[in-house]
């Protein structure tokens, strides 16, 4: 059971929201260089935090 906040104090709360996406690979199907295949890596992230 939660204890109620004392009179004159605000109850604490927090929330967060996070989206993360990553993609990696190589393009050896398209072409190949003398040093090896061309590789790539992409990534993005969105983060939001809120304290009430």
PDB file of N, CA and C in Angstrom:
ATOM      1  N   UNK A   1       0.847  -1.186   0.000  1.00  0.00           N
ATOM      2  CA  UNK A   1       0.000   0.000   0.000  1.00  0.00           C
ATOM      3  C   UNK A   1       0.887   1.242   0.000  1.00  0.00           C
ATOM      4  N   UNK A   2       0.553   2.188  -0.854  1.00  0.00           N
ATOM      5  CA  UNK A   2       1.334   3.418  -0.969  1.00  0.00           C
ATOM      6  C   UNK A   2       1.041   4.352   0.197  1.00  0.00           C
ATOM      7  N   UNK A   3       2.085   5.019   0.648  1.00  0.00           N
ATOM      8  CA  UNK A   3       1.940   5.992   1.727  1.00  0.00           C
ATOM      9  C   UNK A   3       1.589   7.339   1.117  1.00  0.00           C
ATOM     10  N   UNK A   4       0.557   7.992   1.602  1.00  0.00           N
ATOM     11  CA  UNK A   4       0.203   9.304   1.041  1.00  0.00           C
ATOM     12  C   UNK A   4       1.286  10.341   1.335  1.00  0.00           C
ATOM     13  N   UNK A   5       1.425  11.318   0.425  1.00  0.00           N
ATOM     14  CA  UNK A   5       2.402  12.391   0.601  1.00  0.00           C
ATOM     15  C   UNK A   5       1.978  13.278   1.761  1.00  0.00           C
ATOM     16  N   UNK A   6       2.940  13.767   2.527  1.00  0.00           N
ATOM     17  CA  UNK A   6       2.600  14.672   3.633  1.00  0.00           C
ATOM     18  C   UNK A   6       1.929  15.943   3.103  1.00  0.00           C
ATOM     19  N   UNK A   7       1.171  16.592   3.941  1.00  0.00           N
ATOM     20  CA  UNK A   7       0.489  17.827   3.567  1.00  0.00           C
ATOM     21  C   UNK A   7       1.548  18.882   3.216  1.00  0.00           C
ATOM     22  N   UNK A   8       1.366  19.554   2.096  1.00  0.00           N
ATOM     23  CA  UNK A   8       2.300  20.583   1.655  1.00  0.00           C
ATOM     24  C   UNK A   8       3.399  20.044   0.750  1.00  0.00           C
ATOM     25  N   UNK A   9       3.458  18.730   0.559  1.00  0.00           N
ATOM     26  CA  UNK A   9       4.468  18.133  -0.324  1.00  0.00           C
ATOM     27  C   UNK A   9       3.780  17.540  -1.545  1.00  0.00           C
ATOM     28  N   UNK A  10       4.466  17.551  -2.634  1.00  0.00           N
ATOM     29  CA  UNK A  10       3.930  16.999  -3.873  1.00  0.00           C
ATOM     30  C   UNK A  10       4.405  15.555  -4.028  1.00  0.00           C
ATOM     31  N   UNK A  11       3.528  14.685  -4.479  1.00  0.00           N
ATOM     32  CA  UNK A  11       3.924  13.297  -4.741  1.00  0.00           C
ATOM     33  C   UNK A  11       4.890  13.266  -5.924  1.00  0.00           C
ATOM     34  N   UNK A  12       5.866  12.385  -5.884  1.00  0.00           N
ATOM     35  CA  UNK A  12       6.874  12.290  -6.938  1.00  0.00           C
ATOM     36  C   UNK A  12       6.397  11.372  -8.052  1.00  0.00           C
ATOM     37  N   UNK A  13       6.707  11.755  -9.279  1.00  0.00           N
ATOM     38  CA  UNK A  13       6.436  10.886 -10.418  1.00  0.00           C
ATOM     39  C   UNK A  13       7.438  11.220 -11.514  1.00  0.00           C
ATOM     40  N   UNK A  14       7.731  10.253 -12.345  1.00  0.00           N
ATOM     41  CA  UNK A  14       8.656  10.441 -13.457  1.00  0.00           C
ATOM     42  C   UNK A  14       8.258   9.497 -14.578  1.00  0.00           C
ATOM     43  N   UNK A  15       8.534   9.907 -15.799  1.00  0.00           N
ATOM     44  CA  UNK A  15       8.276   9.037 -16.941  1.00  0.00           C
ATOM     45  C   UNK A  15       9.354   9.268 -17.987  1.00  0.00           C
ATOM     46  N   UNK A  16       9.596   8.255 -18.784  1.00  0.00           N
ATOM     47  CA  UNK A  16      10.555   8.391 -19.877  1.00  0.00           C
ATOM     48  C   UNK A  16      10.085   7.586 -21.071  1.00  0.00           C
ATOM     49  N   UNK A  17      10.488   8.059 -22.256  1.00  0.00           N
ATOM     50  CA  UNK A  17      10.091   7.459 -23.517  1.00  0.00           C
ATOM     51  C   UNK A  17      11.338   7.397 -24.391  1.00  0.00           C
ATOM     52  N   UNK A  18      11.642   6.234 -24.949  1.00  0.00           N
ATOM     53  CA  UNK A  18      12.873   6.059 -25.711  1.00  0.00           C
ATOM     54  C   UNK A  18      12.596   5.204 -26.941  1.00  0.00           C
ATOM     55  N   UNK A  19      13.032   5.685 -28.114  1.00  0.00           N
ATOM     56  CA  UNK A  19      12.953   4.925 -29.363  1.00  0.00           C
ATOM     57  C   UNK A  19      14.367   4.844 -29.917  1.00  0.00           C
ATOM     58  N   UNK A  20      14.783   3.642 -30.310  1.00  0.00           N
ATOM     59  CA  UNK A  20      16.126   3.422 -30.814  1.00  0.00           C
ATOM     60  C   UNK A  20      16.043   2.539 -32.054  1.00  0.00           C
ATOM     61  N   UNK A  21      16.737   2.915 -33.134  1.00  0.00           N
ATOM     62  CA  UNK A  21      16.745   2.126 -34.367  1.00  0.00           C
ATOM     63  C   UNK A  21      18.164   2.077 -34.930  1.00  0.00           C
ATOM     64  N   UNK A  22      18.597   0.894 -35.351  1.00  0.00           N
ATOM     65  CA  UNK A  22      19.927   0.701 -35.924  1.00  0.00           C
ATOM     66  C   UNK A  22      19.841  -0.211 -37.137  1.00  0.00           C
ATOM     67  N   UNK A  23      20.698   0.050 -38.110  1.00  0.00           N
ATOM     68  CA  UNK A  23      20.778  -0.769 -39.323  1.00  0.00           C
ATOM     69  C   UNK A  23      22.240  -0.844 -39.735  1.00  0.00           C
ATOM     70  N   UNK A  24      22.720  -2.020 -40.077  1.00  0.00           N
ATOM     71  CA  UNK A  24      24.103  -2.187 -40.540  1.00  0.00           C
ATOM     72  C   UNK A  24      24.138  -3.244 -41.632  1.00  0.00           C
ATOM     73  N   UNK A  25      25.124  -3.153 -42.498  1.00  0.00           N
ATOM     74  CA  UNK A  25      25.263  -4.139 -43.563  1.00  0.00           C
ATOM     75  C   UNK A  25      26.423  -3.804 -44.472  1.00  0.00           C
ATOM     76  N   UNK A  26      26.507  -4.526 -45.580  1.00  0.00           N
ATOM     77  CA  UNK A  26      27.531  -4.232 -46.575  1.00  0.00           C
ATOM     78  C   UNK A  26      26.907  -4.306 -47.971  1.00  0.00           C
ATOM     79  N   UNK A  27      27.613  -3.753 -48.934  1.00  0.00           N
ATOM     80  CA  UNK A  27      27.122  -3.683 -50.312  1.00  0.00           C
ATOM     81  C   UNK A  27      27.964  -4.555 -51.226  1.00  0.00           C
ATOM     82  N   UNK A  28      28.361  -5.726 -50.763  1.00  0.00           N
ATOM     83  CA  UNK A  28      29.186  -6.598 -51.582  1.00  0.00           C
ATOM     84  C   UNK A  28      28.407  -7.142 -52.790  1.00  0.00           C
ATOM     85  N   UNK A  29      27.059  -7.104 -52.744  1.00  0.00           N
ATOM     86  CA  UNK A  29      26.270  -7.549 -53.896  1.00  0.00           C
ATOM     87  C   UNK A  29      26.395  -6.552 -55.049  1.00  0.00           C
ATOM     88  N   UNK A  30      26.573  -5.268 -54.755  1.00  0.00           N
ATOM     89  CA  UNK A  30      26.637  -4.234 -55.788  1.00  0.00           C
ATOM     90  C   UNK A  30      28.030  -4.137 -56.393  1.00  0.00           C
ATOM     91  N   UNK A  31      29.045  -4.001 -55.524  1.00  0.00           N
ATOM     92  CA  UNK A  31      30.427  -3.897 -55.999  1.00  0.00           C
ATOM     93  C   UNK A  31      31.364  -4.225 -54.844  1.00  0.00           C
ATOM     94  N   UNK A  32      32.588  -4.538 -55.191  1.00  0.00           N
ATOM     95  CA  UNK A  32      33.605  -4.901 -54.209  1.00  0.00           C
ATOM     96  C   UNK A  32      34.879  -4.126 -54.525  1.00  0.00           C
ATOM     97  N   UNK A  33      35.481  -3.516 -53.533  1.00  0.00           N
ATOM     98  CA  UNK A  33      36.724  -2.773 -53.718  1.00  0.00           C
ATOM     99  C   UNK A  33      37.918  -3.683 -53.415  1.00  0.00           C
ATOM    100  N   UNK A  34      39.118  -3.317 -53.851  1.00  0.00           N
ATOM    101  CA  UNK A  34      40.292  -4.152 -53.570  1.00  0.00           C
ATOM    102  C   UNK A  34      40.535  -4.375 -52.065  1.00  0.00           C
ATOM    103  N   UNK A  35      40.133  -3.434 -51.239  1.00  0.00           N
ATOM    104  CA  UNK A  35      40.316  -3.567 -49.794  1.00  0.00           C
ATOM    105  C   UNK A  35      39.198  -4.334 -49.112  1.00  0.00           C
ATOM    106  N   UNK A  36      38.162  -4.712 -49.832  1.00  0.00           N
ATOM    107  CA  UNK A  36      37.046  -5.458 -49.259  1.00  0.00           C
ATOM    108  C   UNK A  36      35.725  -4.784 -49.575  1.00  0.00           C
ATOM    109  N   UNK A  37      34.633  -5.331 -49.059  1.00  0.00           N
ATOM    110  CA  UNK A  37      33.317  -4.769 -49.354  1.00  0.00           C
ATOM    111  C   UNK A  37      33.101  -3.411 -48.654  1.00  0.00           C
ATOM    112  N   UNK A  38      32.238  -2.605 -49.231  1.00  0.00           N
ATOM    113  CA  UNK A  38      31.859  -1.322 -48.636  1.00  0.00           C
ATOM    114  C   UNK A  38      30.794  -1.599 -47.581  1.00  0.00           C
ATOM    115  N   UNK A  39      31.055  -1.204 -46.342  1.00  0.00           N
ATOM    116  CA  UNK A  39      30.124  -1.444 -45.234  1.00  0.00           C
ATOM    117  C   UNK A  39      29.508  -0.127 -44.781  1.00  0.00           C
ATOM    118  N   UNK A  40      28.370  -0.222 -44.119  1.00  0.00           N
ATOM    119  CA  UNK A  40      27.712   0.978 -43.593  1.00  0.00           C
ATOM    120  C   UNK A  40      27.037   0.651 -42.261  1.00  0.00           C
ATOM    121  N   UNK A  41      26.807   1.692 -41.488  1.00  0.00           N
ATOM    122  CA  UNK A  41      26.069   1.575 -40.229  1.00  0.00           C
ATOM    123  C   UNK A  41      25.311   2.877 -40.013  1.00  0.00           C
ATOM    124  N   UNK A  42      24.039   2.778 -39.693  1.00  0.00           N
ATOM    125  CA  UNK A  42      23.181   3.930 -39.425  1.00  0.00           C
ATOM    126  C   UNK A  42      22.500   3.731 -38.073  1.00  0.00           C
ATOM    127  N   UNK A  43      22.238   4.814 -37.389  1.00  0.00           N
ATOM    128  CA  UNK A  43      21.532   4.718 -36.121  1.00  0.00           C
ATOM    129  C   UNK A  43      20.885   6.034 -35.754  1.00  0.00           C
ATOM    130  N   UNK A  44      19.812   5.941 -35.002  1.00  0.00           N
ATOM    131  CA  UNK A  44      19.128   7.133 -34.512  1.00  0.00           C
ATOM    132  C   UNK A  44      18.469   6.806 -33.176  1.00  0.00           C
ATOM    133  N   UNK A  45      18.266   7.821 -32.357  1.00  0.00           N
ATOM    134  CA  UNK A  45      17.618   7.627 -31.064  1.00  0.00           C
ATOM    135  C   UNK A  45      16.830   8.878 -30.705  1.00  0.00           C
ATOM    136  N   UNK A  46      15.656   8.667 -30.121  1.00  0.00           N
ATOM    137  CA  UNK A  46      14.840   9.755 -29.589  1.00  0.00           C
ATOM    138  C   UNK A  46      14.584   9.443 -28.124  1.00  0.00           C
ATOM    139  N   UNK A  47      14.842  10.385 -27.250  1.00  0.00           N
ATOM    140  CA  UNK A  47      14.687  10.179 -25.809  1.00  0.00           C
ATOM    141  C   UNK A  47      13.950  11.377 -25.215  1.00  0.00           C
ATOM    142  N   UNK A  48      12.961  11.100 -24.396  1.00  0.00           N
ATOM    143  CA  UNK A  48      12.213  12.160 -23.724  1.00  0.00           C
ATOM    144  C   UNK A  48      12.015  11.750 -22.263  1.00  0.00           C
ATOM    145  N   UNK A  49      12.344  12.630 -21.351  1.00  0.00           N
ATOM    146  CA  UNK A  49      12.155  12.373 -19.925  1.00  0.00           C
ATOM    147  C   UNK A  49      11.331  13.510 -19.331  1.00  0.00           C
ATOM    148  N   UNK A  50      10.460  13.151 -18.401  1.00  0.00           N
ATOM    149  CA  UNK A  50       9.604  14.162 -17.781  1.00  0.00           C
ATOM    150  C   UNK A  50       9.447  13.827 -16.301  1.00  0.00           C
ATOM    151  N   UNK A  51       9.577  14.837 -15.472  1.00  0.00           N
ATOM    152  CA  UNK A  51       9.306  14.710 -14.038  1.00  0.00           C
ATOM    153  C   UNK A  51       8.100  15.588 -13.742  1.00  0.00           C
ATOM    154  N   UNK A  52       7.084  15.002 -13.148  1.00  0.00           N
ATOM    155  CA  UNK A  52       5.833  15.718 -12.894  1.00  0.00           C
ATOM    156  C   UNK A  52       5.984  16.700 -11.763  1.00  0.00           C
TER     157      UNK A  52
END
